[in-house]
Every structure is written in structure tokens, then in C-alpha cells.
Amino acid sequence: MNAFTEKIKLVFATNNPNKIKEIKALIPDNIQLLSLEDIGCKEDIPETSNTIEGNALQKMEYVKQNYGYDCFADDTGLEVEALNGAPGVHSARYAGEDKNSTANVQKLLKELEGKENRRARFKTVIALQLGKEQYTFTGICSGNVIFDTRGNQGFGYDPVFQPEGKTQTFAQMDLEEKSELSHRGRATRKLVDFLVKKGQ
């Protein structure tokens, strides 16, 4: 048998509709994906760790402890070489607590003014709670921060991030092409491969 014998329910601990859309495009039909809204979780889940992995684990554990569901959560950071890895774990709140993507991008471009080294990488860590066991899956996509915004697809830093070997930013790619290359796509495929093997 090479598939789940029954549909499993997993909560994806996010309120970001763009993330849900990206993940849904990658997971098999026999996994029923629930959002925080679906389980009635309206509070802001704490993200107080100083690492990307720590934040993912914190969100996952919060849902399991407070709502009882098996769950996975992700955290993503853009690590820029010339900025000593910033914004990193602070990527979503780089320009302030309101998580304004446009302001974050503008701050990043300002911080990089006059810098020739534009190398950067996106890093996603997915933390999974399945029964009593915890697992993590990491996806990395290297590239460069360009000098201005291009494209209107995607979200976050996508308009200024150009993956290695490509002439387009993530924001210029359709969802399928982005998922093939992206940090989140790579981490999600590891998660899905794991879940499929568990279901065999």
C-alpha cells in the first residue's frame, strides 16, 4: 500500500492565506488541511524564539497543547549576507510590529544601498507534531536581492528576491514555478514525502 488508508487531518498553524494556498498546491488530497480559522483559533500565537526553527516549534506546540490537533507550523526568514543574516528571524516584523510587507521591502532596499554584495537566502523550517512525536523539515533557496521591486505575484520579499540561475523574481513567477524552486516548496515536499511514507 502506498497511500493513506484514510484521510488525515492536519492543522497548518497560520493565518496567512498566501501560505495556505502554496501548501495546498503541494500536499496530496488524502491530507485534509485545516487553518487556524477552521479550528476557531483567533489569537495571535506567540513567536518569541530567536531562531526560525524555534518559532516554528513554538507555534506547532501551541496548537497541539491548546486545541489538541496534530499540527505543523512554518517559519521563514530572509537571510542577507551583507546584513549579517538580517532580517532573518525578524523578517515579518523588520519594519515594525504591523508586519507590513511593503515597509519591510523598502527598509531592506535602504539597508542595502551602496552594497555590492546582494547575496541572500530564504530559509523555511516546518515543524510537525504527529501524535507524541515532533519532526522538522528545512528548505533553503539561495539567490540575490535585486535593486527594485519586480512582479505582483507572491508576497513578502518576493518582489526583490531573484533565485539563483533565474532572471525573474519570485513575484514574477506563477505559483507552480515558484513552488518548484522555493524554500517553502522544498520544506513542504520533505514534509509530504515523510507523511506519505508514514501512511504506507
N, C-alpha and C. Protein backbone atom coordinates (compact mmCIF):
# COMPACT_ATOMS: atom_id res chain seq x y z
N MET A 1 0.86 -1.20 0.00
CA MET A 1 0.00 0.00 0.00
C MET A 1 0.88 1.24 0.00
N ASN A 2 0.59 2.18 -0.87
CA ASN A 2 1.48 3.33 -0.97
C ASN A 2 0.74 4.65 -0.74
N ALA A 3 -0.33 4.59 0.02
CA ALA A 3 -1.05 5.83 0.33
C ALA A 3 -1.76 5.65 1.68
N PHE A 4 -2.24 6.76 2.23
CA PHE A 4 -3.00 6.68 3.46
C PHE A 4 -4.30 5.90 3.22
N THR A 5 -4.68 5.07 4.17
CA THR A 5 -5.93 4.34 4.02
C THR A 5 -7.13 5.22 4.39
N GLU A 6 -6.89 6.30 5.10
CA GLU A 6 -7.97 7.22 5.42
C GLU A 6 -7.41 8.64 5.42
N LYS A 7 -8.32 9.58 5.29
CA LYS A 7 -7.92 10.98 5.26
C LYS A 7 -7.42 11.40 6.64
N ILE A 8 -6.28 12.06 6.69
CA ILE A 8 -5.81 12.55 7.98
C ILE A 8 -5.99 14.07 8.04
N LYS A 9 -6.27 14.54 9.24
CA LYS A 9 -6.47 15.98 9.44
C LYS A 9 -5.21 16.57 10.06
N LEU A 10 -4.75 17.63 9.46
CA LEU A 10 -3.59 18.35 9.98
C LEU A 10 -3.90 19.83 10.00
N VAL A 11 -3.63 20.47 11.10
CA VAL A 11 -3.76 21.92 11.16
C VAL A 11 -2.46 22.56 10.66
N PHE A 12 -2.58 23.54 9.79
CA PHE A 12 -1.44 24.36 9.39
C PHE A 12 -1.56 25.65 10.20
N ALA A 13 -0.64 25.85 11.13
CA ALA A 13 -0.74 26.95 12.10
C ALA A 13 -0.35 28.29 11.46
N THR A 14 -1.25 28.80 10.62
CA THR A 14 -1.01 30.11 10.02
C THR A 14 -2.35 30.78 9.73
N ASN A 15 -2.33 32.11 9.69
CA ASN A 15 -3.48 32.88 9.22
C ASN A 15 -3.18 33.52 7.87
N ASN A 16 -2.03 33.17 7.29
CA ASN A 16 -1.61 33.78 6.03
C ASN A 16 -2.22 33.01 4.86
N PRO A 17 -3.20 33.60 4.16
CA PRO A 17 -3.87 32.87 3.08
C PRO A 17 -2.92 32.51 1.93
N ASN A 18 -1.88 33.31 1.73
CA ASN A 18 -0.91 33.01 0.67
C ASN A 18 -0.13 31.73 0.98
N LYS A 19 0.25 31.57 2.25
CA LYS A 19 0.96 30.35 2.66
C LYS A 19 0.06 29.13 2.50
N ILE A 20 -1.20 29.26 2.92
CA ILE A 20 -2.14 28.15 2.81
C ILE A 20 -2.31 27.74 1.34
N LYS A 21 -2.41 28.72 0.47
CA LYS A 21 -2.57 28.45 -0.96
C LYS A 21 -1.35 27.70 -1.51
N GLU A 22 -0.16 28.12 -1.11
CA GLU A 22 1.06 27.47 -1.58
C GLU A 22 1.15 26.03 -1.08
N ILE A 23 0.83 25.81 0.19
CA ILE A 23 0.93 24.47 0.77
C ILE A 23 -0.13 23.54 0.17
N LYS A 24 -1.35 24.04 0.01
CA LYS A 24 -2.44 23.21 -0.53
C LYS A 24 -2.10 22.70 -1.93
N ALA A 25 -1.35 23.49 -2.68
CA ALA A 25 -0.99 23.08 -4.03
C ALA A 25 0.02 21.93 -4.03
N LEU A 26 0.64 21.67 -2.89
CA LEU A 26 1.71 20.67 -2.82
C LEU A 26 1.32 19.39 -2.09
N ILE A 27 0.32 19.45 -1.23
CA ILE A 27 0.02 18.25 -0.42
C ILE A 27 -0.99 17.36 -1.14
N PRO A 28 -0.93 16.04 -0.89
CA PRO A 28 -1.88 15.12 -1.54
C PRO A 28 -3.30 15.31 -1.01
N ASP A 29 -4.27 14.83 -1.81
CA ASP A 29 -5.69 15.03 -1.48
C ASP A 29 -6.11 14.30 -0.21
N ASN A 30 -5.35 13.26 0.18
CA ASN A 30 -5.79 12.50 1.35
C ASN A 30 -5.33 13.12 2.66
N ILE A 31 -4.75 14.31 2.60
CA ILE A 31 -4.47 15.08 3.81
C ILE A 31 -5.44 16.27 3.82
N GLN A 32 -6.29 16.31 4.83
CA GLN A 32 -7.22 17.43 4.96
C GLN A 32 -6.53 18.54 5.76
N LEU A 33 -6.33 19.64 5.10
CA LEU A 33 -5.61 20.75 5.71
C LEU A 33 -6.60 21.70 6.38
N LEU A 34 -6.38 21.95 7.66
CA LEU A 34 -7.21 22.89 8.41
C LEU A 34 -6.39 24.12 8.75
N SER A 35 -7.02 25.28 8.65
CA SER A 35 -6.34 26.52 9.03
C SER A 35 -6.66 26.83 10.49
N LEU A 36 -6.00 27.83 11.04
CA LEU A 36 -6.32 28.27 12.40
C LEU A 36 -7.77 28.74 12.48
N GLU A 37 -8.24 29.38 11.43
CA GLU A 37 -9.64 29.84 11.39
C GLU A 37 -10.58 28.64 11.47
N ASP A 38 -10.23 27.55 10.77
CA ASP A 38 -11.09 26.36 10.76
C ASP A 38 -11.27 25.77 12.16
N ILE A 39 -10.25 25.90 13.02
CA ILE A 39 -10.35 25.31 14.37
C ILE A 39 -10.74 26.35 15.43
N GLY A 40 -11.05 27.56 14.96
CA GLY A 40 -11.50 28.60 15.88
C GLY A 40 -10.40 29.28 16.67
N CYS A 41 -9.18 29.18 16.16
CA CYS A 41 -8.04 29.83 16.84
C CYS A 41 -7.89 31.25 16.28
N LYS A 42 -8.29 32.23 17.08
CA LYS A 42 -8.26 33.62 16.60
C LYS A 42 -7.15 34.44 17.26
N GLU A 43 -6.53 33.88 18.30
CA GLU A 43 -5.49 34.64 19.00
C GLU A 43 -4.18 34.66 18.22
N ASP A 44 -3.34 35.63 18.53
CA ASP A 44 -2.00 35.68 17.96
C ASP A 44 -1.13 34.67 18.70
N ILE A 45 -0.62 33.69 17.96
CA ILE A 45 0.25 32.69 18.58
C ILE A 45 1.62 33.31 18.81
N PRO A 46 2.18 33.16 20.00
CA PRO A 46 3.49 33.77 20.29
C PRO A 46 4.59 33.27 19.35
N GLU A 47 5.44 34.20 18.94
CA GLU A 47 6.63 33.86 18.15
C GLU A 47 7.79 34.62 18.80
N THR A 48 8.30 34.08 19.89
CA THR A 48 9.29 34.82 20.68
C THR A 48 10.67 34.19 20.66
N SER A 49 10.84 33.15 19.86
CA SER A 49 12.15 32.50 19.78
C SER A 49 13.13 33.38 19.01
N ASN A 50 14.42 33.16 19.22
CA ASN A 50 15.43 33.91 18.46
C ASN A 50 15.95 33.11 17.28
N THR A 51 15.26 32.00 16.94
CA THR A 51 15.62 31.24 15.74
C THR A 51 14.36 30.93 14.94
N ILE A 52 14.55 30.70 13.64
CA ILE A 52 13.44 30.34 12.75
C ILE A 52 12.85 28.99 13.19
N GLU A 53 13.70 28.03 13.47
CA GLU A 53 13.23 26.71 13.90
C GLU A 53 12.45 26.82 15.22
N GLY A 54 12.95 27.63 16.15
CA GLY A 54 12.29 27.79 17.43
C GLY A 54 10.89 28.35 17.30
N ASN A 55 10.71 29.32 16.40
CA ASN A 55 9.38 29.89 16.18
C ASN A 55 8.41 28.87 15.60
N ALA A 56 8.89 28.06 14.67
CA ALA A 56 8.04 27.03 14.06
C ALA A 56 7.59 26.03 15.13
N LEU A 57 8.51 25.59 15.97
CA LEU A 57 8.19 24.66 17.05
C LEU A 57 7.21 25.28 18.05
N GLN A 58 7.42 26.55 18.35
CA GLN A 58 6.56 27.24 19.32
C GLN A 58 5.12 27.31 18.84
N LYS A 59 4.93 27.63 17.58
CA LYS A 59 3.58 27.73 17.01
C LYS A 59 2.90 26.36 16.97
N MET A 60 3.67 25.36 16.55
CA MET A 60 3.14 24.00 16.47
C MET A 60 2.69 23.49 17.85
N GLU A 61 3.55 23.69 18.84
CA GLU A 61 3.25 23.21 20.19
C GLU A 61 2.04 23.94 20.79
N TYR A 62 1.89 25.21 20.46
CA TYR A 62 0.77 25.99 20.98
C TYR A 62 -0.56 25.38 20.52
N VAL A 63 -0.65 25.05 19.23
CA VAL A 63 -1.88 24.48 18.69
C VAL A 63 -2.16 23.11 19.30
N LYS A 64 -1.14 22.27 19.39
CA LYS A 64 -1.32 20.92 19.95
C LYS A 64 -1.78 21.00 21.41
N GLN A 65 -1.14 21.87 22.18
CA GLN A 65 -1.45 21.96 23.61
C GLN A 65 -2.82 22.58 23.88
N ASN A 66 -3.20 23.57 23.06
CA ASN A 66 -4.43 24.31 23.33
C ASN A 66 -5.64 23.81 22.55
N TYR A 67 -5.42 23.10 21.44
CA TYR A 67 -6.54 22.66 20.61
C TYR A 67 -6.55 21.15 20.37
N GLY A 68 -5.43 20.48 20.65
CA GLY A 68 -5.39 19.02 20.59
C GLY A 68 -5.17 18.40 19.23
N TYR A 69 -5.03 19.23 18.20
CA TYR A 69 -4.86 18.70 16.85
C TYR A 69 -3.39 18.40 16.53
N ASP A 70 -3.17 17.34 15.73
CA ASP A 70 -1.87 17.21 15.08
C ASP A 70 -1.71 18.42 14.18
N CYS A 71 -0.50 18.88 14.08
CA CYS A 71 -0.31 20.22 13.52
C CYS A 71 1.08 20.36 12.92
N PHE A 72 1.18 21.23 11.92
CA PHE A 72 2.51 21.69 11.52
C PHE A 72 2.49 23.21 11.39
N ALA A 73 3.65 23.78 11.60
CA ALA A 73 3.80 25.24 11.52
C ALA A 73 5.11 25.53 10.81
N ASP A 74 5.14 26.65 10.14
CA ASP A 74 6.39 27.02 9.48
C ASP A 74 6.83 28.39 9.95
N ASP A 75 8.10 28.63 9.85
CA ASP A 75 8.62 29.99 9.99
C ASP A 75 9.67 30.18 8.92
N THR A 76 9.70 31.38 8.38
CA THR A 76 10.58 31.67 7.26
C THR A 76 11.33 32.96 7.52
N GLY A 77 12.57 32.98 7.10
CA GLY A 77 13.34 34.21 7.19
C GLY A 77 14.17 34.42 5.94
N LEU A 78 14.37 35.67 5.61
CA LEU A 78 15.29 36.03 4.53
C LEU A 78 16.61 36.44 5.18
N GLU A 79 17.67 35.71 4.86
CA GLU A 79 18.98 35.96 5.46
C GLU A 79 19.89 36.60 4.41
N VAL A 80 20.27 37.84 4.65
CA VAL A 80 21.06 38.60 3.68
C VAL A 80 22.51 38.66 4.15
N GLU A 81 23.40 38.23 3.28
CA GLU A 81 24.81 38.09 3.65
C GLU A 81 25.43 39.40 4.11
N ALA A 82 25.18 40.47 3.35
CA ALA A 82 25.81 41.76 3.67
C ALA A 82 25.24 42.39 4.95
N LEU A 83 24.12 41.87 5.44
CA LEU A 83 23.50 42.38 6.66
C LEU A 83 23.67 41.40 7.81
N ASN A 84 24.69 40.57 7.72
CA ASN A 84 25.00 39.58 8.77
C ASN A 84 23.81 38.67 9.09
N GLY A 85 23.07 38.29 8.04
CA GLY A 85 21.95 37.37 8.22
C GLY A 85 20.61 38.03 8.50
N ALA A 86 20.60 39.34 8.65
CA ALA A 86 19.32 40.05 8.84
C ALA A 86 18.58 40.09 7.50
N PRO A 87 17.25 40.26 7.54
CA PRO A 87 16.37 40.34 8.71
C PRO A 87 16.14 39.01 9.43
N GLY A 88 16.42 37.88 8.79
CA GLY A 88 16.38 36.58 9.45
C GLY A 88 15.09 36.29 10.20
N VAL A 89 15.20 35.95 11.46
CA VAL A 89 14.04 35.58 12.26
C VAL A 89 13.06 36.75 12.43
N HIS A 90 13.53 37.96 12.18
CA HIS A 90 12.68 39.17 12.31
C HIS A 90 12.09 39.60 10.97
N SER A 91 12.14 38.74 9.95
CA SER A 91 11.73 39.14 8.60
C SER A 91 10.32 39.72 8.53
N ALA A 92 9.36 39.10 9.19
CA ALA A 92 7.97 39.56 9.10
C ALA A 92 7.77 40.92 9.78
N ARG A 93 8.60 41.20 10.79
CA ARG A 93 8.44 42.45 11.56
C ARG A 93 9.64 43.38 11.37
N TYR A 94 10.31 43.26 10.26
CA TYR A 94 11.56 44.00 10.04
C TYR A 94 11.36 45.51 10.17
N ALA A 95 10.24 46.01 9.66
CA ALA A 95 9.98 47.45 9.69
C ALA A 95 8.98 47.84 10.78
N GLY A 96 8.57 46.87 11.61
CA GLY A 96 7.61 47.18 12.67
C GLY A 96 6.68 46.03 12.97
N GLU A 97 5.98 46.14 14.08
CA GLU A 97 5.12 45.05 14.56
C GLU A 97 3.89 44.80 13.70
N ASP A 98 3.56 45.74 12.80
CA ASP A 98 2.35 45.55 11.99
C ASP A 98 2.56 44.62 10.80
N LYS A 99 3.78 44.08 10.63
CA LYS A 99 4.08 43.10 9.57
C LYS A 99 3.72 43.63 8.19
N ASN A 100 4.11 44.85 7.90
CA ASN A 100 3.79 45.46 6.61
C ASN A 100 4.86 45.06 5.58
N SER A 101 4.45 44.26 4.60
CA SER A 101 5.41 43.73 3.63
C SER A 101 6.08 44.83 2.81
N THR A 102 5.30 45.82 2.41
CA THR A 102 5.86 46.92 1.60
C THR A 102 6.91 47.67 2.39
N ALA A 103 6.62 47.97 3.64
CA ALA A 103 7.58 48.67 4.50
C ALA A 103 8.83 47.82 4.73
N ASN A 104 8.64 46.50 4.92
CA ASN A 104 9.78 45.60 5.11
C ASN A 104 10.71 45.62 3.90
N VAL A 105 10.12 45.56 2.71
CA VAL A 105 10.92 45.55 1.48
C VAL A 105 11.67 46.87 1.32
N GLN A 106 10.99 47.97 1.58
CA GLN A 106 11.63 49.28 1.44
C GLN A 106 12.79 49.44 2.43
N LYS A 107 12.59 48.96 3.65
CA LYS A 107 13.68 49.03 4.64
C LYS A 107 14.87 48.19 4.18
N LEU A 108 14.59 46.99 3.66
CA LEU A 108 15.66 46.12 3.18
C LEU A 108 16.46 46.80 2.07
N LEU A 109 15.76 47.36 1.10
CA LEU A 109 16.45 48.02 -0.02
C LEU A 109 17.28 49.20 0.48
N LYS A 110 16.77 49.92 1.47
CA LYS A 110 17.51 51.05 2.02
C LYS A 110 18.78 50.57 2.73
N GLU A 111 18.66 49.47 3.51
CA GLU A 111 19.81 48.92 4.22
C GLU A 111 20.90 48.44 3.25
N LEU A 112 20.48 48.06 2.05
CA LEU A 112 21.44 47.52 1.07
C LEU A 112 21.98 48.58 0.11
N GLU A 113 21.54 49.81 0.27
CA GLU A 113 22.03 50.89 -0.61
C GLU A 113 23.55 50.96 -0.55
N GLY A 114 24.18 50.99 -1.73
CA GLY A 114 25.63 51.11 -1.79
C GLY A 114 26.39 49.81 -1.58
N LYS A 115 25.68 48.72 -1.33
CA LYS A 115 26.34 47.43 -1.10
C LYS A 115 26.33 46.61 -2.39
N GLU A 116 27.52 46.14 -2.78
CA GLU A 116 27.61 45.33 -4.00
C GLU A 116 27.17 43.90 -3.76
N ASN A 117 27.44 43.38 -2.58
CA ASN A 117 27.06 42.00 -2.27
C ASN A 117 25.56 41.95 -1.98
N ARG A 118 24.81 41.32 -2.87
CA ARG A 118 23.36 41.22 -2.71
C ARG A 118 22.93 39.78 -2.42
N ARG A 119 23.91 38.91 -2.11
CA ARG A 119 23.58 37.50 -1.90
C ARG A 119 22.67 37.33 -0.68
N ALA A 120 21.71 36.43 -0.83
CA ALA A 120 20.73 36.19 0.24
C ALA A 120 20.17 34.79 0.07
N ARG A 121 19.53 34.32 1.12
CA ARG A 121 18.82 33.04 1.01
C ARG A 121 17.56 33.07 1.85
N PHE A 122 16.53 32.44 1.33
CA PHE A 122 15.31 32.21 2.09
C PHE A 122 15.45 30.87 2.80
N LYS A 123 15.05 30.84 4.06
CA LYS A 123 15.08 29.59 4.83
C LYS A 123 13.71 29.38 5.47
N THR A 124 13.14 28.22 5.20
CA THR A 124 11.88 27.82 5.84
C THR A 124 12.13 26.59 6.69
N VAL A 125 11.61 26.60 7.90
CA VAL A 125 11.59 25.40 8.74
C VAL A 125 10.13 25.06 9.03
N ILE A 126 9.75 23.82 8.73
CA ILE A 126 8.42 23.32 9.08
C ILE A 126 8.57 22.37 10.26
N ALA A 127 7.81 22.62 11.31
CA ALA A 127 7.79 21.75 12.49
C ALA A 127 6.47 20.99 12.50
N LEU A 128 6.54 19.68 12.67
CA LEU A 128 5.36 18.82 12.63
C LEU A 128 5.19 18.09 13.96
N GLN A 129 3.97 18.12 14.49
CA GLN A 129 3.61 17.31 15.65
C GLN A 129 2.64 16.25 15.17
N LEU A 130 3.03 14.99 15.26
CA LEU A 130 2.20 13.87 14.83
C LEU A 130 2.12 12.91 16.01
N GLY A 131 0.97 12.87 16.66
CA GLY A 131 0.86 12.10 17.90
C GLY A 131 1.77 12.72 18.95
N LYS A 132 2.67 11.92 19.50
CA LYS A 132 3.58 12.44 20.52
C LYS A 132 4.94 12.81 19.95
N GLU A 133 5.12 12.58 18.65
CA GLU A 133 6.43 12.81 18.02
C GLU A 133 6.50 14.18 17.34
N GLN A 134 7.71 14.75 17.36
CA GLN A 134 7.96 16.02 16.69
C GLN A 134 9.04 15.83 15.62
N TYR A 135 8.86 16.53 14.50
CA TYR A 135 9.82 16.44 13.40
C TYR A 135 10.01 17.83 12.81
N THR A 136 11.16 18.07 12.20
CA THR A 136 11.38 19.34 11.49
C THR A 136 11.92 19.07 10.08
N PHE A 137 11.55 19.96 9.17
CA PHE A 137 11.95 19.86 7.76
C PHE A 137 12.40 21.25 7.31
N THR A 138 13.57 21.31 6.69
CA THR A 138 14.15 22.61 6.31
C THR A 138 14.27 22.72 4.80
N GLY A 139 13.91 23.89 4.28
CA GLY A 139 14.09 24.18 2.86
C GLY A 139 14.83 25.51 2.69
N ILE A 140 15.80 25.53 1.79
CA ILE A 140 16.60 26.74 1.56
C ILE A 140 16.62 27.06 0.07
N CYS A 141 16.48 28.32 -0.26
CA CYS A 141 16.61 28.79 -1.64
C CYS A 141 17.56 29.98 -1.66
N SER A 142 18.67 29.84 -2.37
CA SER A 142 19.67 30.91 -2.45
C SER A 142 19.41 31.79 -3.67
N GLY A 143 19.85 33.04 -3.57
CA GLY A 143 19.68 33.96 -4.68
C GLY A 143 20.25 35.32 -4.35
N ASN A 144 19.63 36.36 -4.90
CA ASN A 144 20.09 37.74 -4.70
C ASN A 144 18.91 38.67 -4.47
N VAL A 145 19.17 39.73 -3.72
CA VAL A 145 18.20 40.81 -3.58
C VAL A 145 18.47 41.81 -4.69
N ILE A 146 17.48 42.05 -5.56
CA ILE A 146 17.68 42.99 -6.66
C ILE A 146 17.50 44.43 -6.14
N PHE A 147 17.63 45.40 -7.05
CA PHE A 147 17.69 46.80 -6.62
C PHE A 147 16.33 47.49 -6.54
N ASP A 148 15.30 46.88 -7.14
CA ASP A 148 13.96 47.46 -7.03
C ASP A 148 12.94 46.32 -7.14
N THR A 149 11.69 46.63 -6.90
CA THR A 149 10.67 45.58 -6.91
C THR A 149 10.25 45.24 -8.34
N ARG A 150 9.99 43.94 -8.56
CA ARG A 150 9.52 43.48 -9.86
C ARG A 150 8.50 42.37 -9.67
N GLY A 151 7.34 42.53 -10.29
CA GLY A 151 6.31 41.50 -10.25
C GLY A 151 5.26 41.76 -9.19
N ASN A 152 4.08 41.12 -9.37
CA ASN A 152 2.99 41.33 -8.43
C ASN A 152 2.37 40.01 -7.94
N GLN A 153 3.06 38.90 -8.17
CA GLN A 153 2.63 37.62 -7.60
C GLN A 153 3.30 37.46 -6.23
N GLY A 154 2.94 36.39 -5.54
CA GLY A 154 3.63 36.09 -4.28
C GLY A 154 3.33 37.09 -3.19
N PHE A 155 4.23 37.18 -2.23
CA PHE A 155 4.02 38.05 -1.06
C PHE A 155 5.36 38.28 -0.38
N GLY A 156 5.34 39.10 0.66
CA GLY A 156 6.57 39.33 1.43
C GLY A 156 7.69 39.94 0.59
N TYR A 157 8.85 39.32 0.66
CA TYR A 157 10.03 39.83 -0.05
C TYR A 157 10.12 39.32 -1.49
N ASP A 158 9.10 38.60 -1.95
CA ASP A 158 9.15 38.00 -3.29
C ASP A 158 9.50 39.00 -4.41
N PRO A 159 9.01 40.26 -4.36
CA PRO A 159 9.30 41.17 -5.47
C PRO A 159 10.77 41.58 -5.60
N VAL A 160 11.59 41.33 -4.57
CA VAL A 160 13.00 41.74 -4.66
C VAL A 160 13.95 40.54 -4.57
N PHE A 161 13.40 39.32 -4.53
CA PHE A 161 14.27 38.14 -4.42
C PHE A 161 14.31 37.39 -5.74
N GLN A 162 15.52 37.27 -6.27
CA GLN A 162 15.74 36.57 -7.53
C GLN A 162 16.53 35.28 -7.26
N PRO A 163 15.89 34.12 -7.43
CA PRO A 163 16.59 32.86 -7.13
C PRO A 163 17.80 32.67 -8.05
N GLU A 164 18.77 31.94 -7.55
CA GLU A 164 19.99 31.63 -8.30
C GLU A 164 19.64 31.00 -9.64
N GLY A 165 20.28 31.51 -10.70
CA GLY A 165 20.09 30.93 -12.02
C GLY A 165 18.83 31.37 -12.75
N LYS A 166 18.06 32.28 -12.15
CA LYS A 166 16.82 32.76 -12.77
C LYS A 166 16.91 34.25 -13.05
N THR A 167 16.14 34.69 -14.04
CA THR A 167 16.11 36.12 -14.37
C THR A 167 14.88 36.80 -13.80
N GLN A 168 13.95 36.02 -13.25
CA GLN A 168 12.74 36.57 -12.67
C GLN A 168 12.81 36.55 -11.14
N THR A 169 12.07 37.45 -10.52
CA THR A 169 11.89 37.37 -9.07
C THR A 169 10.77 36.36 -8.79
N PHE A 170 10.65 35.97 -7.51
CA PHE A 170 9.54 35.10 -7.13
C PHE A 170 8.20 35.74 -7.47
N ALA A 171 8.13 37.06 -7.38
CA ALA A 171 6.86 37.77 -7.63
C ALA A 171 6.50 37.82 -9.12
N GLN A 172 7.43 37.41 -9.98
CA GLN A 172 7.15 37.35 -11.42
C GLN A 172 6.80 35.94 -11.88
N MET A 173 6.86 34.98 -10.97
CA MET A 173 6.60 33.59 -11.31
C MET A 173 5.19 33.18 -10.92
N ASP A 174 4.64 32.21 -11.66
CA ASP A 174 3.36 31.66 -11.21
C ASP A 174 3.62 30.72 -10.04
N LEU A 175 2.54 30.32 -9.38
CA LEU A 175 2.65 29.55 -8.14
C LEU A 175 3.40 28.24 -8.36
N GLU A 176 3.13 27.58 -9.47
CA GLU A 176 3.76 26.29 -9.75
C GLU A 176 5.27 26.43 -9.90
N GLU A 177 5.69 27.44 -10.65
CA GLU A 177 7.13 27.64 -10.86
C GLU A 177 7.83 28.04 -9.56
N LYS A 178 7.19 28.93 -8.80
CA LYS A 178 7.77 29.35 -7.53
C LYS A 178 7.90 28.17 -6.57
N SER A 179 6.86 27.35 -6.48
CA SER A 179 6.86 26.22 -5.55
C SER A 179 7.96 25.21 -5.88
N GLU A 180 8.27 25.09 -7.16
CA GLU A 180 9.32 24.17 -7.59
C GLU A 180 10.67 24.57 -7.02
N LEU A 181 10.88 25.88 -6.91
CA LEU A 181 12.19 26.41 -6.50
C LEU A 181 12.26 26.82 -5.04
N SER A 182 11.12 27.19 -4.49
CA SER A 182 11.15 27.97 -3.25
C SER A 182 11.53 27.15 -2.02
N HIS A 183 12.00 27.87 -1.04
CA HIS A 183 12.31 27.35 0.28
C HIS A 183 11.12 26.63 0.90
N ARG A 184 9.94 27.25 0.80
CA ARG A 184 8.74 26.64 1.38
C ARG A 184 8.35 25.39 0.59
N GLY A 185 8.49 25.45 -0.73
CA GLY A 185 8.21 24.29 -1.55
C GLY A 185 9.12 23.12 -1.20
N ARG A 186 10.39 23.41 -1.00
CA ARG A 186 11.36 22.35 -0.69
C ARG A 186 11.08 21.74 0.68
N ALA A 187 10.80 22.58 1.66
CA ALA A 187 10.49 22.07 3.00
C ALA A 187 9.17 21.27 2.98
N THR A 188 8.19 21.76 2.21
CA THR A 188 6.90 21.09 2.14
C THR A 188 7.01 19.73 1.48
N ARG A 189 7.81 19.62 0.42
CA ARG A 189 7.99 18.32 -0.23
C ARG A 189 8.61 17.31 0.72
N LYS A 190 9.54 17.76 1.57
CA LYS A 190 10.11 16.87 2.59
C LYS A 190 9.02 16.41 3.56
N LEU A 191 8.17 17.36 3.97
CA LEU A 191 7.05 17.04 4.87
C LEU A 191 6.11 16.03 4.22
N VAL A 192 5.73 16.28 2.97
CA VAL A 192 4.79 15.41 2.27
C VAL A 192 5.39 14.02 2.06
N ASP A 193 6.65 13.95 1.66
CA ASP A 193 7.32 12.64 1.48
C ASP A 193 7.28 11.85 2.79
N PHE A 194 7.54 12.57 3.89
CA PHE A 194 7.53 11.92 5.19
C PHE A 194 6.14 11.37 5.53
N LEU A 195 5.10 12.21 5.31
CA LEU A 195 3.74 11.80 5.62
C LEU A 195 3.29 10.61 4.75
N VAL A 196 3.68 10.62 3.50
CA VAL A 196 3.33 9.52 2.60
C VAL A 196 3.97 8.21 3.08
N LYS A 197 5.24 8.29 3.46
CA LYS A 197 5.94 7.09 3.97
C LYS A 197 5.29 6.59 5.25
N LYS A 198 4.87 7.53 6.12
CA LYS A 198 4.21 7.13 7.37
C LYS A 198 2.89 6.43 7.07
N GLY A 199 2.25 6.79 5.96
CA GLY A 199 0.95 6.22 5.62
C GLY A 199 1.02 4.91 4.86
N GLN A 200 2.20 4.46 4.54
CA GLN A 200 2.34 3.23 3.75
C GLN A 200 2.07 1.98 4.59
